[in-house]
Amino acid sequence: MIHVRAQLVPVDGGQPLEIAKDVTLVGRKEDCDLRLEHKSVSKLHCVIVKTDGLLLVRDLGSTNGTRVNGQRVRRAALLPNDKVTIAGFQFKVFLGPASPPPVSQDENTQHIDAKDIANIAGGELADSVVDEPILKIQANLLPDVYPEEQQKHKKK
């Protein structure tokens, strides 16, 4: 099993927050693993799950939401350098064996056009040696709430 260091690095500076446990509860409540003391943060805001080399975040129905790279999410995978916003707190995701790099305020991803990549690479770029059909992405057929759970809530 690969152990990866996972941290949330505050975008505005400050100490990185270590995600040490496999399941980290984030919120304003005293018994949360990662406590963000601000009225914009829900008591139980979100949960961060650490798996082999990956972080997953799931919003717990928070008032001010959880965002990944600006997009409000119910759940999402967090990749290195993704920006996570928990209510008003912005963090950059760090995954790796060493210390996280400093976060720069003006850091942006540069878009490179396919023609520019071909010029840099020195000519035509082949997709692959073997000509295989491209598979279409299929929607996940599993619902967020299972039918038997909905029935339990309706009976209450």
N, C-alpha and C. Protein backbone atom coordinates (compact mmCIF):
# COMPACT_ATOMS: atom_id res chain seq x y z
N MET A 1 0.83 -1.19 0.00
CA MET A 1 0.00 0.00 0.00
C MET A 1 0.88 1.25 0.00
N ILE A 2 0.56 2.18 -0.87
CA ILE A 2 1.33 3.41 -1.00
C ILE A 2 0.78 4.45 -0.04
N HIS A 3 1.68 5.01 0.78
CA HIS A 3 1.25 6.08 1.67
C HIS A 3 1.66 7.40 1.06
N VAL A 4 0.68 8.23 0.81
CA VAL A 4 0.91 9.52 0.18
C VAL A 4 0.58 10.61 1.19
N ARG A 5 1.43 11.63 1.21
CA ARG A 5 1.16 12.78 2.07
C ARG A 5 0.11 13.64 1.38
N ALA A 6 -0.92 13.98 2.12
CA ALA A 6 -1.99 14.82 1.56
C ALA A 6 -2.15 16.05 2.44
N GLN A 7 -2.16 17.22 1.79
CA GLN A 7 -2.32 18.47 2.53
C GLN A 7 -3.22 19.41 1.74
N LEU A 8 -3.89 20.27 2.50
CA LEU A 8 -4.61 21.40 1.92
C LEU A 8 -3.78 22.62 2.26
N VAL A 9 -3.26 23.29 1.23
CA VAL A 9 -2.39 24.45 1.43
C VAL A 9 -3.22 25.71 1.23
N PRO A 10 -3.36 26.55 2.27
CA PRO A 10 -4.16 27.78 2.13
C PRO A 10 -3.61 28.66 1.00
N VAL A 11 -4.49 29.09 0.09
CA VAL A 11 -4.09 29.91 -1.05
C VAL A 11 -3.56 31.27 -0.59
N ASP A 12 -4.15 31.80 0.50
CA ASP A 12 -3.73 33.12 0.99
C ASP A 12 -2.56 33.03 1.96
N GLY A 13 -1.89 31.89 2.01
CA GLY A 13 -0.75 31.71 2.91
C GLY A 13 -1.19 31.09 4.22
N GLY A 14 -0.25 30.71 5.02
CA GLY A 14 -0.57 30.06 6.29
C GLY A 14 -0.10 28.63 6.29
N GLN A 15 -0.27 27.97 7.42
CA GLN A 15 0.19 26.61 7.60
C GLN A 15 -0.66 25.63 6.79
N PRO A 16 -0.03 24.68 6.07
CA PRO A 16 -0.79 23.64 5.37
C PRO A 16 -1.54 22.77 6.38
N LEU A 17 -2.71 22.30 5.99
CA LEU A 17 -3.51 21.42 6.85
C LEU A 17 -3.28 19.98 6.41
N GLU A 18 -2.75 19.18 7.30
CA GLU A 18 -2.42 17.78 7.01
C GLU A 18 -3.70 16.94 7.00
N ILE A 19 -3.89 16.15 5.95
CA ILE A 19 -4.99 15.18 5.89
C ILE A 19 -4.36 13.84 6.24
N ALA A 20 -4.35 13.52 7.53
CA ALA A 20 -3.62 12.34 8.00
C ALA A 20 -4.51 11.09 8.07
N LYS A 21 -5.79 11.29 8.38
CA LYS A 21 -6.70 10.16 8.55
C LYS A 21 -7.27 9.72 7.20
N ASP A 22 -7.76 8.48 7.14
CA ASP A 22 -8.39 8.00 5.91
C ASP A 22 -9.70 8.72 5.64
N VAL A 23 -10.41 9.10 6.71
CA VAL A 23 -11.65 9.86 6.58
C VAL A 23 -11.54 11.06 7.50
N THR A 24 -11.60 12.27 6.92
CA THR A 24 -11.46 13.51 7.68
C THR A 24 -12.75 14.31 7.57
N LEU A 25 -13.37 14.56 8.71
CA LEU A 25 -14.60 15.34 8.76
C LEU A 25 -14.23 16.82 8.90
N VAL A 26 -14.73 17.65 7.98
CA VAL A 26 -14.42 19.08 7.97
C VAL A 26 -15.67 19.87 8.36
N GLY A 27 -15.51 20.81 9.28
CA GLY A 27 -16.65 21.63 9.66
C GLY A 27 -16.31 22.56 10.82
N ARG A 28 -17.35 23.19 11.34
CA ARG A 28 -17.20 24.17 12.42
C ARG A 28 -17.35 23.52 13.79
N LYS A 29 -17.97 22.34 13.84
CA LYS A 29 -18.22 21.66 15.11
C LYS A 29 -16.93 21.25 15.81
N GLU A 30 -16.96 21.24 17.14
CA GLU A 30 -15.76 20.93 17.93
C GLU A 30 -15.17 19.57 17.66
N ASP A 31 -16.02 18.56 17.39
CA ASP A 31 -15.49 17.21 17.20
C ASP A 31 -15.11 16.89 15.75
N CYS A 32 -15.06 17.89 14.88
CA CYS A 32 -14.59 17.67 13.50
C CYS A 32 -13.07 17.46 13.51
N ASP A 33 -12.60 16.64 12.58
CA ASP A 33 -11.16 16.38 12.47
C ASP A 33 -10.42 17.62 11.99
N LEU A 34 -11.04 18.35 11.06
CA LEU A 34 -10.46 19.58 10.53
C LEU A 34 -11.46 20.68 10.78
N ARG A 35 -11.14 21.54 11.78
CA ARG A 35 -12.08 22.56 12.23
C ARG A 35 -11.78 23.89 11.59
N LEU A 36 -12.76 24.46 10.89
CA LEU A 36 -12.64 25.79 10.31
C LEU A 36 -13.64 26.67 11.05
N GLU A 37 -13.11 27.50 11.94
CA GLU A 37 -13.98 28.30 12.80
C GLU A 37 -14.39 29.60 12.12
N HIS A 38 -15.47 29.53 11.37
CA HIS A 38 -16.04 30.72 10.74
C HIS A 38 -17.52 30.44 10.50
N LYS A 39 -18.35 31.47 10.64
CA LYS A 39 -19.80 31.28 10.52
C LYS A 39 -20.23 30.83 9.12
N SER A 40 -19.38 31.02 8.09
CA SER A 40 -19.73 30.59 6.73
C SER A 40 -19.57 29.07 6.55
N VAL A 41 -18.85 28.43 7.48
CA VAL A 41 -18.61 26.99 7.41
C VAL A 41 -19.72 26.29 8.19
N SER A 42 -20.35 25.28 7.56
CA SER A 42 -21.40 24.52 8.25
C SER A 42 -20.80 23.68 9.36
N LYS A 43 -21.63 23.32 10.35
CA LYS A 43 -21.14 22.52 11.48
C LYS A 43 -20.51 21.23 10.98
N LEU A 44 -21.18 20.55 10.06
CA LEU A 44 -20.64 19.38 9.38
C LEU A 44 -20.64 19.74 7.89
N HIS A 45 -19.52 20.23 7.38
CA HIS A 45 -19.48 20.82 6.05
C HIS A 45 -19.23 19.79 4.95
N CYS A 46 -18.11 19.06 5.08
CA CYS A 46 -17.79 18.06 4.07
C CYS A 46 -16.90 17.00 4.69
N VAL A 47 -16.67 15.93 3.94
CA VAL A 47 -15.78 14.87 4.39
C VAL A 47 -14.75 14.65 3.29
N ILE A 48 -13.49 14.44 3.70
CA ILE A 48 -12.42 14.16 2.75
C ILE A 48 -11.93 12.74 3.02
N VAL A 49 -11.94 11.92 1.98
CA VAL A 49 -11.52 10.53 2.09
C VAL A 49 -10.19 10.37 1.36
N LYS A 50 -9.22 9.78 2.06
CA LYS A 50 -7.90 9.56 1.48
C LYS A 50 -7.78 8.10 1.06
N THR A 51 -7.52 7.88 -0.23
CA THR A 51 -7.30 6.53 -0.74
C THR A 51 -5.88 6.49 -1.30
N ASP A 52 -5.51 5.42 -1.95
CA ASP A 52 -4.17 5.30 -2.51
C ASP A 52 -3.92 6.37 -3.56
N GLY A 53 -3.21 7.43 -3.17
CA GLY A 53 -2.80 8.46 -4.11
C GLY A 53 -3.91 9.38 -4.59
N LEU A 54 -5.04 9.40 -3.90
CA LEU A 54 -6.16 10.22 -4.35
C LEU A 54 -6.96 10.70 -3.15
N LEU A 55 -7.50 11.91 -3.26
CA LEU A 55 -8.42 12.43 -2.24
C LEU A 55 -9.79 12.56 -2.88
N LEU A 56 -10.81 12.20 -2.12
CA LEU A 56 -12.19 12.38 -2.55
C LEU A 56 -12.86 13.31 -1.56
N VAL A 57 -13.69 14.22 -2.06
CA VAL A 57 -14.42 15.13 -1.18
C VAL A 57 -15.91 14.94 -1.42
N ARG A 58 -16.67 14.99 -0.33
CA ARG A 58 -18.14 14.91 -0.45
C ARG A 58 -18.74 15.98 0.45
N ASP A 59 -19.52 16.84 -0.15
CA ASP A 59 -20.21 17.89 0.61
C ASP A 59 -21.33 17.23 1.42
N LEU A 60 -21.54 17.69 2.63
CA LEU A 60 -22.55 17.11 3.51
C LEU A 60 -23.80 17.99 3.60
N GLY A 61 -24.19 18.57 2.46
CA GLY A 61 -25.38 19.42 2.43
C GLY A 61 -25.14 20.76 3.07
N SER A 62 -23.90 21.26 2.95
CA SER A 62 -23.53 22.54 3.58
C SER A 62 -24.28 23.71 2.95
N THR A 63 -24.46 24.76 3.74
CA THR A 63 -25.16 25.96 3.27
C THR A 63 -24.37 26.69 2.18
N ASN A 64 -23.08 26.92 2.41
CA ASN A 64 -22.27 27.71 1.48
C ASN A 64 -21.47 26.87 0.49
N GLY A 65 -21.60 25.58 0.55
CA GLY A 65 -21.06 24.71 -0.47
C GLY A 65 -19.58 24.41 -0.42
N THR A 66 -19.22 23.42 -1.23
CA THR A 66 -17.84 23.00 -1.44
C THR A 66 -17.60 23.10 -2.94
N ARG A 67 -16.50 23.75 -3.30
CA ARG A 67 -16.19 23.93 -4.73
C ARG A 67 -14.83 23.33 -5.05
N VAL A 68 -14.73 22.78 -6.26
CA VAL A 68 -13.45 22.27 -6.77
C VAL A 68 -13.19 23.01 -8.07
N ASN A 69 -12.10 23.76 -8.09
CA ASN A 69 -11.74 24.57 -9.26
C ASN A 69 -12.90 25.47 -9.70
N GLY A 70 -13.59 26.05 -8.71
CA GLY A 70 -14.66 27.00 -8.98
C GLY A 70 -16.03 26.39 -9.19
N GLN A 71 -16.11 25.08 -9.34
CA GLN A 71 -17.39 24.40 -9.62
C GLN A 71 -17.95 23.83 -8.32
N ARG A 72 -19.19 24.21 -7.98
CA ARG A 72 -19.81 23.65 -6.76
C ARG A 72 -20.08 22.17 -6.98
N VAL A 73 -19.68 21.35 -6.01
CA VAL A 73 -19.80 19.90 -6.16
C VAL A 73 -20.51 19.28 -4.96
N ARG A 74 -21.14 18.14 -5.21
CA ARG A 74 -21.65 17.31 -4.12
C ARG A 74 -20.55 16.33 -3.72
N ARG A 75 -19.84 15.84 -4.75
CA ARG A 75 -18.70 14.97 -4.51
C ARG A 75 -17.76 15.09 -5.70
N ALA A 76 -16.46 14.89 -5.43
CA ALA A 76 -15.47 15.01 -6.50
C ALA A 76 -14.16 14.37 -6.07
N ALA A 77 -13.36 14.01 -7.06
CA ALA A 77 -11.99 13.55 -6.81
C ALA A 77 -11.11 14.79 -6.81
N LEU A 78 -10.15 14.82 -5.90
CA LEU A 78 -9.22 15.94 -5.81
C LEU A 78 -7.86 15.50 -6.32
N LEU A 79 -7.36 16.22 -7.30
CA LEU A 79 -6.06 15.91 -7.88
C LEU A 79 -5.04 16.95 -7.42
N PRO A 80 -3.75 16.64 -7.55
CA PRO A 80 -2.74 17.62 -7.15
C PRO A 80 -2.96 18.96 -7.83
N ASN A 81 -2.81 20.04 -7.08
CA ASN A 81 -2.96 21.43 -7.53
C ASN A 81 -4.40 21.86 -7.79
N ASP A 82 -5.38 21.00 -7.54
CA ASP A 82 -6.78 21.44 -7.63
C ASP A 82 -7.01 22.49 -6.54
N LYS A 83 -7.93 23.42 -6.82
CA LYS A 83 -8.28 24.43 -5.82
C LYS A 83 -9.62 24.02 -5.20
N VAL A 84 -9.61 23.85 -3.88
CA VAL A 84 -10.81 23.47 -3.14
C VAL A 84 -11.25 24.65 -2.31
N THR A 85 -12.53 25.00 -2.41
CA THR A 85 -13.08 26.09 -1.61
C THR A 85 -14.13 25.51 -0.68
N ILE A 86 -13.90 25.65 0.61
CA ILE A 86 -14.84 25.20 1.63
C ILE A 86 -15.42 26.47 2.24
N ALA A 87 -16.68 26.77 1.88
CA ALA A 87 -17.31 28.06 2.23
C ALA A 87 -16.41 29.17 1.70
N GLY A 88 -15.78 29.98 2.57
CA GLY A 88 -14.91 31.06 2.10
C GLY A 88 -13.42 30.72 2.14
N PHE A 89 -13.07 29.52 2.53
CA PHE A 89 -11.66 29.13 2.65
C PHE A 89 -11.18 28.46 1.36
N GLN A 90 -10.07 28.98 0.80
CA GLN A 90 -9.52 28.42 -0.43
C GLN A 90 -8.22 27.70 -0.15
N PHE A 91 -8.12 26.47 -0.69
CA PHE A 91 -6.94 25.66 -0.51
C PHE A 91 -6.49 25.08 -1.84
N LYS A 92 -5.20 24.79 -1.92
CA LYS A 92 -4.65 24.07 -3.06
C LYS A 92 -4.31 22.67 -2.56
N VAL A 93 -4.63 21.65 -3.35
CA VAL A 93 -4.40 20.26 -2.96
C VAL A 93 -2.95 19.89 -3.21
N PHE A 94 -2.31 19.32 -2.20
CA PHE A 94 -0.96 18.79 -2.35
C PHE A 94 -0.99 17.30 -2.05
N LEU A 95 -0.50 16.50 -2.99
CA LEU A 95 -0.36 15.05 -2.81
C LEU A 95 1.06 14.69 -3.19
N GLY A 96 1.79 14.05 -2.31
CA GLY A 96 3.14 13.67 -2.66
C GLY A 96 3.96 13.28 -1.46
N PRO A 97 5.21 12.91 -1.68
CA PRO A 97 6.05 12.42 -0.59
C PRO A 97 6.76 13.51 0.20
N ALA A 98 6.95 14.68 -0.40
CA ALA A 98 7.78 15.71 0.24
C ALA A 98 6.94 16.90 0.68
N SER A 99 7.61 17.99 0.98
CA SER A 99 6.93 19.21 1.38
C SER A 99 6.22 19.84 0.19
N PRO A 100 5.06 20.47 0.42
CA PRO A 100 4.35 21.10 -0.68
C PRO A 100 5.08 22.35 -1.16
N PRO A 101 4.97 22.65 -2.46
CA PRO A 101 5.57 23.87 -2.96
C PRO A 101 4.76 25.09 -2.50
N PRO A 102 5.39 26.26 -2.43
CA PRO A 102 4.63 27.45 -2.04
C PRO A 102 3.57 27.77 -3.10
N VAL A 103 2.45 28.32 -2.64
CA VAL A 103 1.36 28.68 -3.55
C VAL A 103 1.55 30.11 -4.01
N SER A 104 1.52 30.30 -5.31
CA SER A 104 1.67 31.63 -5.89
C SER A 104 0.29 32.18 -6.24
N GLN A 105 0.03 33.44 -5.92
CA GLN A 105 -1.27 34.06 -6.20
C GLN A 105 -1.56 34.17 -7.69
N ASP A 106 -0.51 34.35 -8.50
CA ASP A 106 -0.72 34.57 -9.94
C ASP A 106 -0.48 33.32 -10.77
N GLU A 107 -0.50 32.15 -10.14
CA GLU A 107 -0.26 30.91 -10.85
C GLU A 107 -1.50 30.51 -11.64
N ASN A 108 -1.33 30.29 -12.93
CA ASN A 108 -2.43 29.88 -13.79
C ASN A 108 -1.97 28.76 -14.71
N THR A 109 -2.92 27.94 -15.13
CA THR A 109 -2.62 26.90 -16.10
C THR A 109 -2.59 27.55 -17.47
N GLN A 110 -1.57 27.23 -18.25
CA GLN A 110 -1.45 27.80 -19.58
C GLN A 110 -2.09 26.86 -20.59
N HIS A 111 -2.94 27.41 -21.46
CA HIS A 111 -3.58 26.62 -22.49
C HIS A 111 -2.66 26.56 -23.71
N ILE A 112 -2.41 25.35 -24.20
CA ILE A 112 -1.59 25.18 -25.40
C ILE A 112 -2.45 24.53 -26.47
N ASP A 113 -2.49 25.15 -27.63
CA ASP A 113 -3.26 24.64 -28.76
C ASP A 113 -2.60 23.39 -29.33
N ALA A 114 -3.40 22.48 -29.92
CA ALA A 114 -2.88 21.23 -30.49
C ALA A 114 -1.83 21.51 -31.57
N LYS A 115 -2.02 22.57 -32.38
CA LYS A 115 -1.04 22.91 -33.42
C LYS A 115 0.30 23.30 -32.79
N ASP A 116 0.23 24.04 -31.67
CA ASP A 116 1.46 24.44 -30.98
C ASP A 116 2.20 23.22 -30.43
N ILE A 117 1.44 22.25 -29.93
CA ILE A 117 2.07 21.03 -29.41
C ILE A 117 2.78 20.29 -30.54
N ALA A 118 2.12 20.21 -31.72
CA ALA A 118 2.74 19.55 -32.88
C ALA A 118 4.03 20.26 -33.27
N ASN A 119 4.02 21.61 -33.23
CA ASN A 119 5.23 22.37 -33.56
C ASN A 119 6.34 22.10 -32.55
N ILE A 120 5.98 22.06 -31.26
CA ILE A 120 6.97 21.81 -30.22
C ILE A 120 7.54 20.40 -30.36
N ALA A 121 6.65 19.44 -30.64
CA ALA A 121 7.06 18.04 -30.75
C ALA A 121 7.80 17.76 -32.06
N GLY A 122 7.73 18.68 -33.01
CA GLY A 122 8.46 18.51 -34.27
C GLY A 122 7.70 17.73 -35.32
N GLY A 123 6.44 18.00 -35.47
CA GLY A 123 5.69 17.36 -36.56
C GLY A 123 4.40 16.74 -36.08
N GLU A 124 3.95 15.75 -36.86
CA GLU A 124 2.68 15.08 -36.57
C GLU A 124 2.76 14.26 -35.28
N LEU A 125 1.71 14.30 -34.52
CA LEU A 125 1.63 13.49 -33.32
C LEU A 125 0.64 12.36 -33.56
N ALA A 126 1.08 11.14 -33.40
CA ALA A 126 0.19 10.00 -33.54
C ALA A 126 -0.52 9.76 -32.21
N ASP A 127 -1.81 9.40 -32.27
CA ASP A 127 -2.53 9.11 -31.04
C ASP A 127 -1.96 7.87 -30.36
N SER A 128 -1.72 6.83 -31.13
CA SER A 128 -1.14 5.61 -30.59
C SER A 128 -0.65 4.74 -31.73
N VAL A 129 0.11 3.74 -31.39
CA VAL A 129 0.62 2.82 -32.40
C VAL A 129 -0.50 1.93 -32.90
N VAL A 130 -1.36 1.48 -31.99
CA VAL A 130 -2.48 0.60 -32.33
C VAL A 130 -3.71 1.47 -32.57
N ASP A 131 -4.43 1.20 -33.64
CA ASP A 131 -5.64 1.95 -33.95
C ASP A 131 -6.82 1.30 -33.24
N GLU A 132 -7.18 1.83 -32.07
CA GLU A 132 -8.30 1.29 -31.31
C GLU A 132 -9.44 2.30 -31.31
N PRO A 133 -10.69 1.81 -31.29
CA PRO A 133 -11.81 2.76 -31.25
C PRO A 133 -11.84 3.49 -29.92
N ILE A 134 -12.27 4.74 -29.96
CA ILE A 134 -12.40 5.54 -28.74
C ILE A 134 -13.72 5.17 -28.08
N LEU A 135 -13.65 4.81 -26.80
CA LEU A 135 -14.84 4.43 -26.06
C LEU A 135 -15.54 5.68 -25.55
N LYS A 136 -16.85 5.69 -25.64
CA LYS A 136 -17.61 6.82 -25.14
C LYS A 136 -17.72 6.73 -23.62
N ILE A 137 -17.70 7.89 -22.97
CA ILE A 137 -17.86 7.94 -21.52
C ILE A 137 -19.33 7.73 -21.21
N GLN A 138 -19.59 6.84 -20.26
CA GLN A 138 -20.97 6.55 -19.89
C GLN A 138 -21.26 7.13 -18.52
N ALA A 139 -22.47 7.59 -18.36
CA ALA A 139 -22.89 8.15 -17.07
C ALA A 139 -22.95 7.05 -16.03
N ASN A 140 -22.64 7.39 -14.80
CA ASN A 140 -22.74 6.45 -13.70
C ASN A 140 -24.23 6.19 -13.43
N LEU A 141 -24.62 4.93 -13.50
CA LEU A 141 -26.02 4.59 -13.33
C LEU A 141 -26.45 4.50 -11.87
N LEU A 142 -25.46 4.55 -10.95
CA LEU A 142 -25.81 4.46 -9.54
C LEU A 142 -26.33 5.81 -9.04
N PRO A 143 -27.46 5.81 -8.37
CA PRO A 143 -28.01 7.08 -7.87
C PRO A 143 -27.28 7.56 -6.62
N ASP A 144 -27.39 8.85 -6.32
CA ASP A 144 -26.83 9.39 -5.08
C ASP A 144 -27.59 8.85 -3.87
N VAL A 145 -28.89 8.67 -4.04
CA VAL A 145 -29.73 8.13 -2.97
C VAL A 145 -30.39 6.87 -3.51
N TYR A 146 -30.27 5.78 -2.80
CA TYR A 146 -30.85 4.52 -3.24
C TYR A 146 -32.34 4.48 -2.93
N PRO A 147 -33.15 3.81 -3.76
CA PRO A 147 -34.62 3.81 -3.59
C PRO A 147 -35.06 3.40 -2.18
N GLU A 148 -34.41 2.39 -1.57
CA GLU A 148 -34.85 1.98 -0.22
C GLU A 148 -34.59 3.08 0.81
N GLU A 149 -33.56 3.90 0.59
CA GLU A 149 -33.29 5.03 1.50
C GLU A 149 -34.38 6.09 1.36
N GLN A 150 -34.82 6.33 0.12
CA GLN A 150 -35.90 7.32 -0.10
C GLN A 150 -37.18 6.86 0.59
N GLN A 151 -37.46 5.55 0.56
CA GLN A 151 -38.66 5.02 1.20
C GLN A 151 -38.61 5.23 2.71
N LYS A 152 -37.41 5.04 3.32
CA LYS A 152 -37.26 5.24 4.76
C LYS A 152 -37.58 6.69 5.14
N HIS A 153 -37.09 7.64 4.32
CA HIS A 153 -37.29 9.06 4.63
C HIS A 153 -38.75 9.48 4.44
N LYS A 154 -39.45 8.85 3.48
CA LYS A 154 -40.85 9.20 3.23
C LYS A 154 -41.75 8.72 4.39
N LYS A 155 -41.37 7.61 5.01
CA LYS A 155 -42.17 7.06 6.11
C LYS A 155 -42.08 7.89 7.36
N LYS A 156 -41.00 8.65 7.52
CA LYS A 156 -40.78 9.45 8.76
C LYS A 156 -41.70 10.61 8.87
